[in-house]
Every structure is written in C-alpha cells, then in structure tokens.
N, C-alpha and C. Protein backbone atom coordinates (compact mmCIF):
# COMPACT_ATOMS: atom_id res chain seq x y z
N MET A 1 99.06 104.37 106.59
CA MET A 1 100.17 104.11 105.69
C MET A 1 99.59 103.83 104.30
N ARG A 2 100.28 104.31 103.27
CA ARG A 2 99.88 104.07 101.89
C ARG A 2 100.58 102.79 101.41
N VAL A 3 99.79 101.78 101.10
CA VAL A 3 100.32 100.48 100.71
C VAL A 3 100.00 100.22 99.25
N TYR A 4 101.02 99.96 98.46
CA TYR A 4 100.86 99.58 97.06
C TYR A 4 100.81 98.06 97.04
N VAL A 5 99.71 97.49 96.61
CA VAL A 5 99.57 96.03 96.56
C VAL A 5 99.97 95.59 95.15
N ALA A 6 100.97 94.73 95.07
CA ALA A 6 101.54 94.30 93.80
C ALA A 6 101.38 92.80 93.62
N GLY A 7 101.21 92.39 92.38
CA GLY A 7 101.11 90.96 92.08
C GLY A 7 100.71 90.73 90.65
N LYS A 8 100.64 89.48 90.32
CA LYS A 8 100.34 89.08 88.95
C LYS A 8 98.93 89.51 88.56
N TYR A 9 98.79 90.03 87.37
CA TYR A 9 97.49 90.47 86.84
C TYR A 9 97.13 89.60 85.64
N SER A 10 97.82 89.78 84.53
CA SER A 10 97.51 89.01 83.32
C SER A 10 98.01 87.57 83.47
N ASP A 11 97.53 86.72 82.57
CA ASP A 11 97.90 85.30 82.65
C ASP A 11 97.69 84.65 81.29
N THR A 12 97.80 83.34 81.25
CA THR A 12 97.71 82.62 79.98
C THR A 12 96.29 82.44 79.47
N ASN A 13 95.30 82.60 80.34
CA ASN A 13 93.90 82.49 79.91
C ASN A 13 93.03 83.37 80.80
N ILE A 14 91.82 83.60 80.37
CA ILE A 14 90.93 84.54 81.06
C ILE A 14 90.58 84.07 82.47
N ILE A 15 90.41 82.77 82.68
CA ILE A 15 90.07 82.27 84.02
C ILE A 15 91.22 82.54 84.99
N ALA A 16 92.44 82.27 84.57
CA ALA A 16 93.60 82.55 85.42
C ALA A 16 93.72 84.05 85.69
N CYS A 17 93.46 84.87 84.69
CA CYS A 17 93.50 86.32 84.86
C CYS A 17 92.44 86.76 85.88
N LEU A 18 91.23 86.24 85.76
CA LEU A 18 90.18 86.59 86.72
C LEU A 18 90.53 86.13 88.13
N ASN A 19 91.18 84.98 88.25
CA ASN A 19 91.63 84.51 89.56
C ASN A 19 92.67 85.46 90.14
N ASN A 20 93.57 85.97 89.30
CA ASN A 20 94.57 86.94 89.77
C ASN A 20 93.89 88.22 90.25
N ILE A 21 92.90 88.68 89.50
CA ILE A 21 92.14 89.87 89.90
C ILE A 21 91.46 89.63 91.24
N HIS A 22 90.85 88.46 91.39
CA HIS A 22 90.18 88.12 92.65
C HIS A 22 91.15 88.17 93.82
N GLU A 23 92.31 87.54 93.67
CA GLU A 23 93.29 87.50 94.75
C GLU A 23 93.82 88.89 95.09
N GLY A 24 94.05 89.70 94.06
CA GLY A 24 94.56 91.04 94.29
C GLY A 24 93.57 91.94 95.02
N ILE A 25 92.32 91.89 94.59
CA ILE A 25 91.29 92.71 95.25
C ILE A 25 91.06 92.21 96.67
N LYS A 26 91.06 90.89 96.84
CA LYS A 26 90.88 90.31 98.18
C LYS A 26 91.98 90.79 99.13
N MET A 27 93.23 90.76 98.68
CA MET A 27 94.33 91.23 99.52
C MET A 27 94.21 92.72 99.80
N SER A 28 93.79 93.48 98.82
CA SER A 28 93.61 94.92 99.02
C SER A 28 92.56 95.20 100.08
N VAL A 29 91.49 94.42 100.10
CA VAL A 29 90.46 94.55 101.14
C VAL A 29 91.06 94.25 102.51
N ASP A 30 91.90 93.22 102.58
CA ASP A 30 92.55 92.89 103.86
C ASP A 30 93.43 94.05 104.34
N VAL A 31 94.12 94.71 103.41
CA VAL A 31 94.95 95.86 103.76
C VAL A 31 94.07 96.99 104.28
N LEU A 32 92.94 97.23 103.63
CA LEU A 32 92.01 98.26 104.11
C LEU A 32 91.50 97.94 105.50
N LYS A 33 91.22 96.67 105.77
CA LYS A 33 90.72 96.27 107.09
C LYS A 33 91.75 96.53 108.18
N LEU A 34 93.04 96.55 107.83
CA LEU A 34 94.08 96.88 108.81
C LEU A 34 94.14 98.37 109.09
N GLY A 35 93.41 99.16 108.30
CA GLY A 35 93.37 100.60 108.53
C GLY A 35 94.26 101.41 107.61
N HIS A 36 94.84 100.75 106.60
CA HIS A 36 95.73 101.45 105.67
C HIS A 36 94.96 101.92 104.44
N ALA A 37 95.54 102.86 103.72
CA ALA A 37 95.06 103.23 102.39
C ALA A 37 95.86 102.38 101.40
N CYS A 38 95.19 101.82 100.42
CA CYS A 38 95.95 100.97 99.50
C CYS A 38 95.64 101.33 98.05
N PHE A 39 96.63 101.05 97.21
CA PHE A 39 96.45 101.16 95.77
C PHE A 39 96.26 99.75 95.25
N CYS A 40 95.15 99.51 94.56
CA CYS A 40 94.78 98.18 94.06
C CYS A 40 94.75 98.20 92.53
N PRO A 41 95.84 97.78 91.88
CA PRO A 41 95.89 97.84 90.42
C PRO A 41 94.90 96.92 89.72
N TRP A 42 94.32 95.98 90.43
CA TRP A 42 93.37 95.05 89.80
C TRP A 42 92.02 95.71 89.53
N LEU A 43 91.84 96.92 90.00
CA LEU A 43 90.62 97.67 89.68
C LEU A 43 90.78 98.49 88.40
N ASP A 44 91.98 98.52 87.84
CA ASP A 44 92.26 99.33 86.65
C ASP A 44 91.42 98.94 85.43
N TYR A 45 91.00 97.69 85.36
CA TYR A 45 90.24 97.25 84.19
C TYR A 45 89.00 98.13 83.97
N GLN A 46 88.51 98.76 85.02
CA GLN A 46 87.31 99.58 84.90
C GLN A 46 87.53 100.81 84.02
N PHE A 47 88.77 101.30 83.94
CA PHE A 47 89.06 102.43 83.06
C PHE A 47 88.73 102.10 81.61
N GLN A 48 88.91 100.85 81.24
CA GLN A 48 88.69 100.44 79.86
C GLN A 48 87.23 100.59 79.44
N PHE A 49 86.32 100.55 80.40
CA PHE A 49 84.90 100.72 80.10
C PHE A 49 84.59 102.14 79.62
N PHE A 50 85.47 103.09 79.93
CA PHE A 50 85.21 104.49 79.64
C PHE A 50 86.13 105.08 78.58
N SER A 51 87.15 104.34 78.20
CA SER A 51 88.05 104.82 77.16
C SER A 51 88.69 103.64 76.45
N LYS A 52 88.46 103.55 75.18
CA LYS A 52 89.06 102.48 74.37
C LYS A 52 90.45 102.87 73.88
N ASP A 53 90.89 104.09 74.21
CA ASP A 53 92.17 104.60 73.73
C ASP A 53 93.34 104.27 74.64
N LEU A 54 93.08 103.79 75.84
CA LEU A 54 94.17 103.50 76.77
C LEU A 54 94.99 102.31 76.30
N LYS A 55 96.28 102.43 76.49
CA LYS A 55 97.20 101.36 76.13
C LYS A 55 97.83 100.81 77.41
N VAL A 56 98.41 99.64 77.32
CA VAL A 56 98.99 99.02 78.50
C VAL A 56 100.06 99.92 79.12
N GLU A 57 100.77 100.67 78.31
CA GLU A 57 101.80 101.59 78.81
C GLU A 57 101.18 102.67 79.71
N ASP A 58 99.95 103.09 79.39
CA ASP A 58 99.26 104.07 80.22
C ASP A 58 99.01 103.51 81.62
N TYR A 59 98.62 102.25 81.68
CA TYR A 59 98.39 101.60 82.96
C TYR A 59 99.69 101.46 83.75
N TYR A 60 100.77 101.08 83.07
CA TYR A 60 102.06 100.95 83.74
C TYR A 60 102.52 102.29 84.33
N ARG A 61 102.40 103.35 83.55
CA ARG A 61 102.82 104.68 83.99
C ARG A 61 101.98 105.13 85.20
N TYR A 62 100.69 104.92 85.11
CA TYR A 62 99.77 105.27 86.19
C TYR A 62 100.11 104.52 87.46
N SER A 63 100.32 103.21 87.36
CA SER A 63 100.64 102.41 88.54
C SER A 63 101.97 102.82 89.16
N MET A 64 102.98 103.03 88.33
CA MET A 64 104.29 103.41 88.85
C MET A 64 104.24 104.75 89.57
N ALA A 65 103.41 105.66 89.09
CA ALA A 65 103.27 106.96 89.77
C ALA A 65 102.73 106.76 91.19
N TRP A 66 101.79 105.84 91.36
CA TRP A 66 101.26 105.54 92.69
C TRP A 66 102.28 104.80 93.54
N LEU A 67 103.01 103.89 92.93
CA LEU A 67 104.04 103.16 93.68
C LEU A 67 105.05 104.13 94.27
N GLU A 68 105.46 105.12 93.49
CA GLU A 68 106.50 106.03 93.92
C GLU A 68 106.10 106.94 95.09
N VAL A 69 104.82 107.07 95.38
CA VAL A 69 104.39 107.86 96.53
C VAL A 69 103.84 106.98 97.65
N SER A 70 104.01 105.68 97.50
CA SER A 70 103.56 104.74 98.54
C SER A 70 104.61 104.61 99.63
N ASP A 71 104.14 104.26 100.82
CA ASP A 71 105.05 104.05 101.95
C ASP A 71 105.68 102.66 101.90
N CYS A 72 104.98 101.72 101.31
CA CYS A 72 105.51 100.36 101.19
C CYS A 72 104.78 99.62 100.08
N VAL A 73 105.32 98.46 99.74
CA VAL A 73 104.73 97.59 98.73
C VAL A 73 104.46 96.24 99.38
N LEU A 74 103.28 95.72 99.16
CA LEU A 74 102.94 94.37 99.61
C LEU A 74 102.81 93.50 98.36
N VAL A 75 103.65 92.48 98.26
CA VAL A 75 103.72 91.64 97.06
C VAL A 75 103.00 90.32 97.33
N LEU A 76 102.09 89.96 96.42
CA LEU A 76 101.35 88.71 96.54
C LEU A 76 102.17 87.52 96.05
N PRO A 77 101.86 86.32 96.56
CA PRO A 77 102.52 85.11 96.06
C PRO A 77 102.28 84.95 94.56
N GLY A 78 103.24 84.31 93.89
CA GLY A 78 103.11 84.07 92.46
C GLY A 78 103.65 85.18 91.59
N TYR A 79 104.28 86.16 92.18
CA TYR A 79 104.78 87.32 91.45
C TYR A 79 105.97 86.99 90.54
N GLU A 80 106.63 85.88 90.80
CA GLU A 80 107.90 85.56 90.14
C GLU A 80 107.82 85.53 88.61
N THR A 81 106.64 85.25 88.06
CA THR A 81 106.49 85.18 86.60
C THR A 81 105.84 86.44 86.02
N SER A 82 105.68 87.46 86.84
CA SER A 82 105.03 88.70 86.40
C SER A 82 106.09 89.76 86.10
N LYS A 83 106.25 90.09 84.82
CA LYS A 83 107.22 91.13 84.44
C LYS A 83 106.87 92.47 85.11
N GLY A 84 105.59 92.77 85.16
CA GLY A 84 105.17 94.03 85.76
C GLY A 84 105.50 94.10 87.24
N THR A 85 105.21 93.03 87.96
CA THR A 85 105.49 93.01 89.40
C THR A 85 106.99 93.06 89.66
N LEU A 86 107.77 92.35 88.85
CA LEU A 86 109.23 92.40 89.02
C LEU A 86 109.75 93.81 88.79
N ALA A 87 109.18 94.53 87.83
CA ALA A 87 109.56 95.92 87.58
C ALA A 87 109.16 96.81 88.77
N GLU A 88 108.00 96.53 89.35
CA GLU A 88 107.55 97.30 90.52
C GLU A 88 108.48 97.07 91.71
N ILE A 89 108.88 95.83 91.92
CA ILE A 89 109.80 95.52 93.02
C ILE A 89 111.14 96.24 92.80
N LYS A 90 111.63 96.19 91.58
CA LYS A 90 112.89 96.86 91.26
C LYS A 90 112.80 98.36 91.53
N ARG A 91 111.70 98.98 91.10
CA ARG A 91 111.52 100.42 91.31
C ARG A 91 111.41 100.76 92.79
N ALA A 92 110.69 99.93 93.54
CA ALA A 92 110.57 100.16 94.99
C ALA A 92 111.95 100.07 95.65
N GLU A 93 112.75 99.11 95.24
CA GLU A 93 114.11 98.99 95.78
C GLU A 93 114.93 100.23 95.46
N GLU A 94 114.82 100.71 94.22
CA GLU A 94 115.56 101.91 93.81
C GLU A 94 115.15 103.13 94.63
N LYS A 95 113.88 103.21 94.99
CA LYS A 95 113.36 104.36 95.74
C LYS A 95 113.48 104.19 97.25
N GLY A 96 113.96 103.02 97.70
CA GLY A 96 114.08 102.76 99.12
C GLY A 96 112.75 102.53 99.82
N ILE A 97 111.78 102.05 99.07
CA ILE A 97 110.44 101.78 99.61
C ILE A 97 110.44 100.37 100.20
N ASN A 98 109.94 100.24 101.43
CA ASN A 98 109.87 98.92 102.08
C ASN A 98 109.00 97.97 101.28
N ILE A 99 109.44 96.72 101.22
CA ILE A 99 108.71 95.68 100.49
C ILE A 99 108.39 94.55 101.46
N TYR A 100 107.12 94.14 101.46
CA TYR A 100 106.67 93.03 102.30
C TYR A 100 106.09 91.94 101.40
N TYR A 101 106.25 90.70 101.83
CA TYR A 101 105.76 89.58 101.03
C TYR A 101 104.65 88.80 101.74
N LYS A 102 104.30 89.22 102.95
CA LYS A 102 103.21 88.59 103.69
C LYS A 102 102.40 89.67 104.38
N LEU A 103 101.10 89.51 104.37
CA LEU A 103 100.22 90.49 105.02
C LEU A 103 100.58 90.64 106.49
N GLU A 104 100.89 89.54 107.16
CA GLU A 104 101.18 89.61 108.59
C GLU A 104 102.48 90.36 108.89
N ASP A 105 103.34 90.55 107.90
CA ASP A 105 104.56 91.33 108.10
C ASP A 105 104.32 92.84 107.96
N LEU A 106 103.20 93.19 107.38
CA LEU A 106 102.87 94.60 107.19
C LEU A 106 102.53 95.22 108.55
N PRO A 107 103.17 96.34 108.88
CA PRO A 107 102.80 97.00 110.15
C PRO A 107 101.30 97.35 110.14
N THR A 108 100.64 97.13 111.22
CA THR A 108 99.21 97.44 111.25
C THR A 108 99.00 98.89 111.64
N ALA A 109 97.95 99.46 111.13
CA ALA A 109 97.62 100.84 111.47
C ALA A 109 97.35 100.96 112.96
N LYS A 110 96.78 99.92 113.56
CA LYS A 110 96.51 99.96 115.01
C LYS A 110 97.82 100.06 115.78
N LYS A 111 98.83 99.31 115.39
CA LYS A 111 100.13 99.40 116.06
C LYS A 111 100.72 100.79 115.89
N GLU A 112 100.60 101.34 114.67
CA GLU A 112 101.17 102.67 114.40
C GLU A 112 100.51 103.75 115.26
N ARG A 113 99.24 103.55 115.58
CA ARG A 113 98.51 104.55 116.37
C ARG A 113 98.61 104.26 117.86
N GLY A 114 99.34 103.20 118.23
CA GLY A 114 99.51 102.86 119.64
C GLY A 114 98.27 102.26 120.27
N LEU A 115 97.40 101.66 119.47
CA LEU A 115 96.17 101.04 120.01
C LEU A 115 96.38 99.59 120.37
C-alpha cells in the first residue's frame, strides 16, 4: 500500500523544526517496516542542496501530487497547527483517500497478503 505520511514540518525555531523532521522520518521508517511504500515529505529538504531556485510552492505541489496517488494518509500527532497538513487532510477527504491518525490503525502489509 502507498502511504502518504503527513504532519508538521516547519515550526517557530530550528530545534522544533528538526524535532518535527525526526518524528516524521521515524514514522516513515515504521511504515516501511510494516511492508508499505511511503512518501516522507521530511526528506524534501535535501532538494535544497541541489537547487537554490525551489520555492515553498514547489514543495507543496510536489507533495500534493504524491498524496493524490496514495492509497491512504497517516497523520502524525500535532498536526492541528500545521496549515500544510490541514490542507493535505482536506485534499485527501476530497479525493476519498483513507486517513489514519495512529500507526496501529494502518492496515499492515502482512494482513493484506494473508500472512
């Protein structure tokens, strides 16, 4: 299953932002361990190392394109203050994409394969 992992990225200071990145990547690893393919937006910062021309709108467009082909969205705690995550949830609802708020609610790949 293709899982779009959503949650807060930016924050009021760099330490909080790095903590958000840590939590997002950590959850994405947990999704991979369940056997799913996941989209991890917290890895996007790496694009900036190769192009100084990218704007935040480019990242939003890129992420939404992946969300729209995902089978479901897994939302991390603390999303309530994230404009980007709220927009992702709204778009998933519009597209009829399942939304989960806990890793344990996500169907496991093992269950899907009958293992």
